[in-house]
């Protein structure tokens, strides 16, 4: 993997889009409508790991696709987070008001 590339489970994004009857072009249009201008081409590059998703991208995609915390971790951070850390992060996210 080259510098700047990241490993993610892009097939799960495609699956979520298909389940909603949507596609990457729809996602690009929605993200742009919500104030995060992006082209479908750029999303494809990010899904292939050629370009890294920004935190704001992940947050908006998660909202648009109704992703659960576990899905977010699996899709975007699969290679970076161990199972134990995944549980710790999920616990913190779920109880973030307490921190």
N, C-alpha and C. Protein backbone atom coordinates (compact mmCIF):
# COMPACT_ATOMS: atom_id res chain seq x y z
N UNK A 1 0.83 -1.17 0.00
CA UNK A 1 0.00 0.00 0.00
C UNK A 1 0.89 1.24 0.00
N UNK A 2 0.59 2.19 -0.85
CA UNK A 2 1.39 3.41 -0.95
C UNK A 2 1.01 4.40 0.14
N UNK A 3 1.92 5.35 0.38
CA UNK A 3 1.64 6.40 1.35
C UNK A 3 0.38 7.14 0.93
N UNK A 4 -0.51 7.39 1.91
CA UNK A 4 -1.75 8.10 1.61
C UNK A 4 -2.90 7.17 1.29
N UNK A 5 -2.58 5.90 1.02
CA UNK A 5 -3.64 4.94 0.74
C UNK A 5 -4.12 4.32 2.04
N UNK A 6 -5.36 3.89 2.04
CA UNK A 6 -5.89 3.24 3.23
C UNK A 6 -6.71 2.03 2.82
N UNK A 7 -6.77 1.07 3.73
CA UNK A 7 -7.55 -0.14 3.49
C UNK A 7 -8.91 0.06 4.14
N UNK A 8 -9.96 -0.13 3.37
CA UNK A 8 -11.30 -0.03 3.92
C UNK A 8 -12.19 -1.06 3.25
N UNK A 9 -13.33 -1.27 3.83
CA UNK A 9 -14.29 -2.24 3.30
C UNK A 9 -15.29 -1.53 2.40
N UNK A 10 -14.83 -1.11 1.22
CA UNK A 10 -15.67 -0.34 0.31
C UNK A 10 -16.86 -1.13 -0.21
N UNK A 11 -16.73 -2.46 -0.24
CA UNK A 11 -17.86 -3.27 -0.70
C UNK A 11 -19.08 -3.07 0.19
N UNK A 12 -18.86 -2.76 1.47
CA UNK A 12 -19.98 -2.53 2.38
C UNK A 12 -20.69 -1.22 2.07
N UNK A 13 -19.95 -0.21 1.62
CA UNK A 13 -20.57 1.05 1.19
C UNK A 13 -21.44 0.78 -0.03
N UNK A 14 -20.90 0.04 -0.99
CA UNK A 14 -21.68 -0.28 -2.19
C UNK A 14 -22.93 -1.07 -1.82
N UNK A 15 -22.81 -2.00 -0.88
CA UNK A 15 -23.97 -2.79 -0.44
C UNK A 15 -25.03 -1.90 0.19
N UNK A 16 -24.60 -0.99 1.05
CA UNK A 16 -25.55 -0.06 1.70
C UNK A 16 -26.26 0.80 0.66
N UNK A 17 -25.50 1.28 -0.31
CA UNK A 17 -26.10 2.09 -1.37
C UNK A 17 -27.14 1.28 -2.15
N UNK A 18 -26.78 0.05 -2.52
CA UNK A 18 -27.72 -0.80 -3.26
C UNK A 18 -28.98 -1.08 -2.45
N UNK A 19 -28.82 -1.32 -1.15
CA UNK A 19 -29.97 -1.59 -0.29
C UNK A 19 -30.95 -0.41 -0.28
N UNK A 20 -30.43 0.79 -0.45
CA UNK A 20 -31.26 1.99 -0.47
C UNK A 20 -31.70 2.35 -1.89
N UNK A 21 -31.27 1.54 -2.88
CA UNK A 21 -31.61 1.85 -4.26
C UNK A 21 -30.86 3.05 -4.79
N UNK A 22 -29.68 3.30 -4.23
CA UNK A 22 -28.87 4.48 -4.59
C UNK A 22 -27.53 4.03 -5.16
N UNK A 23 -26.75 5.02 -5.63
CA UNK A 23 -25.43 4.73 -6.18
C UNK A 23 -24.44 5.83 -5.77
N UNK A 24 -23.22 5.71 -6.22
CA UNK A 24 -22.17 6.67 -5.85
C UNK A 24 -22.50 8.07 -6.37
N UNK A 25 -23.12 8.15 -7.53
CA UNK A 25 -23.49 9.46 -8.07
C UNK A 25 -24.49 10.15 -7.13
N UNK A 26 -25.46 9.38 -6.61
CA UNK A 26 -26.42 9.91 -5.64
C UNK A 26 -25.67 10.41 -4.40
N UNK A 27 -24.74 9.60 -3.91
CA UNK A 27 -23.97 9.96 -2.72
C UNK A 27 -23.21 11.28 -2.94
N UNK A 28 -22.58 11.41 -4.10
CA UNK A 28 -21.85 12.65 -4.41
C UNK A 28 -22.80 13.84 -4.44
N UNK A 29 -23.96 13.68 -5.06
CA UNK A 29 -24.95 14.77 -5.12
C UNK A 29 -25.44 15.15 -3.73
N UNK A 30 -25.72 14.16 -2.89
CA UNK A 30 -26.20 14.42 -1.53
C UNK A 30 -25.12 15.11 -0.69
N UNK A 31 -23.90 14.64 -0.79
CA UNK A 31 -22.81 15.26 -0.03
C UNK A 31 -22.63 16.71 -0.46
N UNK A 32 -22.71 16.96 -1.76
CA UNK A 32 -22.60 18.32 -2.28
C UNK A 32 -23.75 19.18 -1.77
N UNK A 33 -24.97 18.63 -1.78
CA UNK A 33 -26.14 19.36 -1.29
C UNK A 33 -26.02 19.71 0.19
N UNK A 34 -25.32 18.88 0.95
CA UNK A 34 -25.11 19.13 2.38
C UNK A 34 -23.87 19.97 2.66
N UNK A 35 -23.31 20.58 1.61
CA UNK A 35 -22.21 21.51 1.80
C UNK A 35 -20.81 20.91 1.73
N UNK A 36 -20.71 19.65 1.32
CA UNK A 36 -19.41 19.02 1.15
C UNK A 36 -19.26 18.63 -0.32
N UNK A 37 -18.90 19.60 -1.16
CA UNK A 37 -18.80 19.33 -2.60
C UNK A 37 -17.79 18.22 -2.89
N UNK A 38 -18.24 17.24 -3.66
CA UNK A 38 -17.39 16.11 -4.02
C UNK A 38 -17.95 15.50 -5.29
N UNK A 39 -17.07 15.00 -6.13
CA UNK A 39 -17.51 14.34 -7.36
C UNK A 39 -17.60 12.84 -7.14
N UNK A 40 -18.37 12.19 -7.98
CA UNK A 40 -18.47 10.73 -7.92
C UNK A 40 -17.09 10.12 -8.16
N UNK A 41 -16.31 10.72 -9.05
CA UNK A 41 -14.96 10.24 -9.35
C UNK A 41 -14.08 10.25 -8.10
N UNK A 42 -14.18 11.30 -7.31
CA UNK A 42 -13.39 11.38 -6.07
C UNK A 42 -13.85 10.34 -5.07
N UNK A 43 -15.16 10.12 -4.97
CA UNK A 43 -15.66 9.09 -4.06
C UNK A 43 -15.13 7.73 -4.48
N UNK A 44 -15.15 7.44 -5.79
CA UNK A 44 -14.61 6.16 -6.26
C UNK A 44 -13.14 6.01 -5.87
N UNK A 45 -12.36 7.08 -6.01
CA UNK A 45 -10.94 7.03 -5.62
C UNK A 45 -10.80 6.75 -4.13
N UNK A 46 -11.66 7.36 -3.33
CA UNK A 46 -11.62 7.14 -1.89
C UNK A 46 -12.03 5.71 -1.56
N UNK A 47 -13.02 5.19 -2.26
CA UNK A 47 -13.47 3.82 -2.03
C UNK A 47 -12.39 2.80 -2.42
N UNK A 48 -11.57 3.15 -3.40
CA UNK A 48 -10.47 2.26 -3.81
C UNK A 48 -9.25 2.41 -2.91
N UNK A 49 -9.27 3.41 -2.02
CA UNK A 49 -8.15 3.62 -1.12
C UNK A 49 -7.05 4.49 -1.70
N UNK A 50 -7.29 5.08 -2.87
CA UNK A 50 -6.29 5.95 -3.49
C UNK A 50 -6.22 7.30 -2.78
N UNK A 51 -7.34 7.71 -2.20
CA UNK A 51 -7.44 8.96 -1.47
C UNK A 51 -8.13 8.63 -0.15
N UNK A 52 -7.69 9.26 0.93
CA UNK A 52 -8.23 8.97 2.25
C UNK A 52 -9.51 9.78 2.51
N UNK A 53 -10.50 9.14 3.10
CA UNK A 53 -11.71 9.85 3.52
C UNK A 53 -11.37 10.77 4.68
N UNK A 54 -11.89 11.99 4.65
CA UNK A 54 -11.74 12.92 5.77
C UNK A 54 -12.80 12.59 6.81
N UNK A 55 -12.57 13.03 8.03
CA UNK A 55 -13.53 12.79 9.11
C UNK A 55 -14.91 13.32 8.75
N UNK A 56 -14.96 14.50 8.14
CA UNK A 56 -16.25 15.09 7.75
C UNK A 56 -16.96 14.22 6.71
N UNK A 57 -16.20 13.61 5.80
CA UNK A 57 -16.78 12.69 4.81
C UNK A 57 -17.42 11.50 5.51
N UNK A 58 -16.68 10.92 6.43
CA UNK A 58 -17.15 9.73 7.14
C UNK A 58 -18.42 10.05 7.92
N UNK A 59 -18.42 11.19 8.58
CA UNK A 59 -19.59 11.58 9.37
C UNK A 59 -20.82 11.74 8.48
N UNK A 60 -20.68 12.45 7.37
CA UNK A 60 -21.82 12.69 6.49
C UNK A 60 -22.29 11.40 5.81
N UNK A 61 -21.36 10.60 5.32
CA UNK A 61 -21.73 9.33 4.69
C UNK A 61 -22.46 8.45 5.70
N UNK A 62 -21.99 8.45 6.93
CA UNK A 62 -22.63 7.66 7.98
C UNK A 62 -24.07 8.11 8.21
N UNK A 63 -24.29 9.41 8.17
CA UNK A 63 -25.64 9.94 8.34
C UNK A 63 -26.51 9.62 7.13
N UNK A 64 -25.98 9.83 5.94
CA UNK A 64 -26.76 9.60 4.72
C UNK A 64 -27.15 8.13 4.54
N UNK A 65 -26.27 7.23 4.98
CA UNK A 65 -26.53 5.80 4.82
C UNK A 65 -27.02 5.14 6.10
N UNK A 66 -27.27 5.94 7.13
CA UNK A 66 -27.76 5.42 8.42
C UNK A 66 -26.86 4.31 8.96
N UNK A 67 -25.56 4.55 8.94
CA UNK A 67 -24.62 3.54 9.43
C UNK A 67 -24.57 3.53 10.95
N UNK A 68 -24.52 2.35 11.50
CA UNK A 68 -24.37 2.17 12.94
C UNK A 68 -22.88 2.31 13.27
N UNK A 69 -22.57 2.54 14.55
CA UNK A 69 -21.17 2.71 14.97
C UNK A 69 -20.31 1.52 14.55
N UNK A 70 -20.83 0.32 14.73
CA UNK A 70 -20.06 -0.88 14.36
C UNK A 70 -19.78 -0.91 12.85
N UNK A 71 -20.76 -0.50 12.05
CA UNK A 71 -20.57 -0.46 10.60
C UNK A 71 -19.52 0.58 10.22
N UNK A 72 -19.55 1.71 10.89
CA UNK A 72 -18.56 2.76 10.62
C UNK A 72 -17.16 2.23 10.87
N UNK A 73 -17.00 1.57 12.01
CA UNK A 73 -15.69 1.01 12.36
C UNK A 73 -15.26 -0.05 11.35
N UNK A 74 -16.16 -0.93 10.98
CA UNK A 74 -15.84 -2.01 10.04
C UNK A 74 -15.48 -1.46 8.67
N UNK A 75 -16.26 -0.50 8.20
CA UNK A 75 -16.06 0.03 6.85
C UNK A 75 -14.79 0.89 6.75
N UNK A 76 -14.67 1.85 7.64
CA UNK A 76 -13.62 2.86 7.49
C UNK A 76 -12.33 2.57 8.26
N UNK A 77 -12.40 1.75 9.30
CA UNK A 77 -11.23 1.57 10.16
C UNK A 77 -10.87 0.11 10.36
N UNK A 78 -11.25 -0.75 9.45
CA UNK A 78 -11.08 -2.20 9.63
C UNK A 78 -9.63 -2.61 9.88
N UNK A 79 -8.70 -1.96 9.23
CA UNK A 79 -7.30 -2.35 9.37
C UNK A 79 -6.61 -1.66 10.55
N UNK A 80 -7.20 -0.56 11.00
CA UNK A 80 -6.54 0.24 12.03
C UNK A 80 -6.94 -0.12 13.45
N UNK A 81 -8.07 -0.78 13.59
CA UNK A 81 -8.63 -0.99 14.91
C UNK A 81 -8.70 -2.48 15.23
N UNK A 82 -8.10 -2.86 16.36
CA UNK A 82 -8.20 -4.25 16.80
C UNK A 82 -9.57 -4.47 17.41
N UNK A 83 -9.93 -5.71 17.62
CA UNK A 83 -11.23 -6.04 18.20
C UNK A 83 -11.41 -5.37 19.57
N UNK A 84 -10.40 -5.45 20.42
CA UNK A 84 -10.51 -4.86 21.76
C UNK A 84 -10.66 -3.34 21.65
N UNK A 85 -9.84 -2.72 20.83
CA UNK A 85 -9.92 -1.28 20.67
C UNK A 85 -11.26 -0.90 20.09
N UNK A 86 -11.76 -1.70 19.16
CA UNK A 86 -13.07 -1.46 18.55
C UNK A 86 -14.14 -1.38 19.64
N UNK A 87 -14.11 -2.32 20.57
CA UNK A 87 -15.09 -2.34 21.66
C UNK A 87 -14.92 -1.10 22.53
N UNK A 88 -13.68 -0.73 22.85
CA UNK A 88 -13.42 0.45 23.67
C UNK A 88 -13.91 1.72 22.98
N UNK A 89 -13.63 1.85 21.70
CA UNK A 89 -14.06 3.04 20.96
C UNK A 89 -15.57 3.09 20.89
N UNK A 90 -16.20 1.96 20.62
CA UNK A 90 -17.66 1.93 20.54
C UNK A 90 -18.26 2.33 21.89
N UNK A 91 -17.68 1.84 22.98
CA UNK A 91 -18.17 2.18 24.32
C UNK A 91 -18.07 3.69 24.54
N UNK A 92 -16.96 4.28 24.15
CA UNK A 92 -16.76 5.71 24.31
C UNK A 92 -17.75 6.49 23.45
N UNK A 93 -17.93 6.07 22.20
CA UNK A 93 -18.85 6.75 21.30
C UNK A 93 -20.27 6.69 21.84
N UNK A 94 -20.67 5.52 22.32
CA UNK A 94 -22.03 5.34 22.83
C UNK A 94 -22.26 6.16 24.11
N UNK A 95 -21.21 6.39 24.88
CA UNK A 95 -21.33 7.11 26.15
C UNK A 95 -20.60 8.44 26.11
N UNK A 96 -20.49 9.04 24.93
CA UNK A 96 -19.64 10.22 24.78
C UNK A 96 -20.08 11.38 25.68
N UNK A 97 -21.32 11.42 26.10
CA UNK A 97 -21.78 12.50 26.97
C UNK A 97 -21.12 12.42 28.35
N UNK A 98 -20.64 11.24 28.70
CA UNK A 98 -20.01 11.04 30.00
C UNK A 98 -18.54 11.44 30.00
N UNK A 99 -17.97 11.77 28.85
CA UNK A 99 -16.54 12.07 28.77
C UNK A 99 -16.31 13.55 28.59
